[in-house]
């Protein structure tokens, strides 16, 4: 069965690199803890408020 999981992460100025690393760790932990063996797609999209990037949404599509 194909499933979709969405992860969100707020981005703060001058902390984006660390926050992206934390997001990577959360996604990897989810994959590991759920014994996912086949990832079909991973994509990122930013969220914007008043013209400024304020967050990131990562979508994971996987097969269970």
Protein backbone atom coordinates (compact mmCIF):
# COMPACT_ATOMS: atom_id res chain seq x y z
CA UNK A 1 0.00 0.00 0.00
CA UNK A 2 1.31 3.46 -0.87
CA UNK A 3 1.20 6.01 1.96
CA UNK A 4 2.05 9.69 2.38
CA UNK A 5 3.54 11.32 5.49
CA UNK A 6 4.00 15.07 5.85
CA UNK A 7 6.55 16.74 8.14
CA UNK A 8 6.64 20.45 8.92
CA UNK A 9 9.47 22.58 10.25
CA UNK A 10 9.47 26.30 11.08
CA UNK A 11 12.58 28.12 9.90
CA UNK A 12 14.23 30.83 11.95
CA UNK A 13 16.78 33.25 10.53
CA UNK A 14 20.37 32.03 10.96
CA UNK A 15 19.17 28.62 12.19
CA UNK A 16 17.97 27.09 8.93
CA UNK A 17 20.92 24.72 8.50
CA UNK A 18 20.40 23.22 11.96
CA UNK A 19 16.63 23.01 11.48
CA UNK A 20 17.08 21.22 8.15
CA UNK A 21 19.37 18.72 9.87
CA UNK A 22 16.74 18.16 12.56
CA UNK A 23 14.09 17.62 9.90
CA UNK A 24 16.34 15.08 8.14
CA UNK A 25 16.78 13.24 11.46
CA UNK A 26 13.00 13.14 12.07
CA UNK A 27 12.32 11.75 8.60
CA UNK A 28 15.11 9.16 8.90
CA UNK A 29 13.87 8.13 12.35
CA UNK A 30 10.32 7.72 10.98
CA UNK A 31 11.63 5.53 8.15
CA UNK A 32 13.69 3.42 10.55
CA UNK A 33 11.04 3.05 13.27
CA UNK A 34 8.38 2.02 10.75
CA UNK A 35 10.63 -0.43 8.90
CA UNK A 36 10.04 1.33 5.59
CA UNK A 37 12.07 -0.37 2.87
CA UNK A 38 10.82 1.46 -0.19
CA UNK A 39 10.68 5.26 -0.45
CA UNK A 40 9.00 6.43 -3.65
CA UNK A 41 9.43 10.17 -3.31
CA UNK A 42 10.65 12.92 -1.00
CA UNK A 43 9.88 16.53 -1.82
CA UNK A 44 10.24 19.87 -0.04
CA UNK A 45 8.20 23.03 -0.32
CA UNK A 46 8.56 26.30 1.55
CA UNK A 47 5.84 28.19 3.33
CA UNK A 48 5.82 31.96 2.98
CA UNK A 49 4.39 34.74 5.11
CA UNK A 50 4.59 38.39 4.06
CA UNK A 51 7.09 37.47 1.36
CA UNK A 52 9.49 35.74 3.75
CA UNK A 53 10.18 32.03 3.90
CA UNK A 54 9.06 30.93 7.34
CA UNK A 55 8.81 27.16 7.13
CA UNK A 56 9.38 23.98 5.23
CA UNK A 57 7.05 21.11 4.43
CA UNK A 58 8.59 17.76 3.51
CA UNK A 59 6.38 15.09 1.93
CA UNK A 60 7.45 11.45 2.06
CA UNK A 61 5.73 8.94 -0.20
CA UNK A 62 6.49 5.33 0.68
CA UNK A 63 5.29 1.80 0.22
CA UNK A 64 4.27 -0.28 3.19
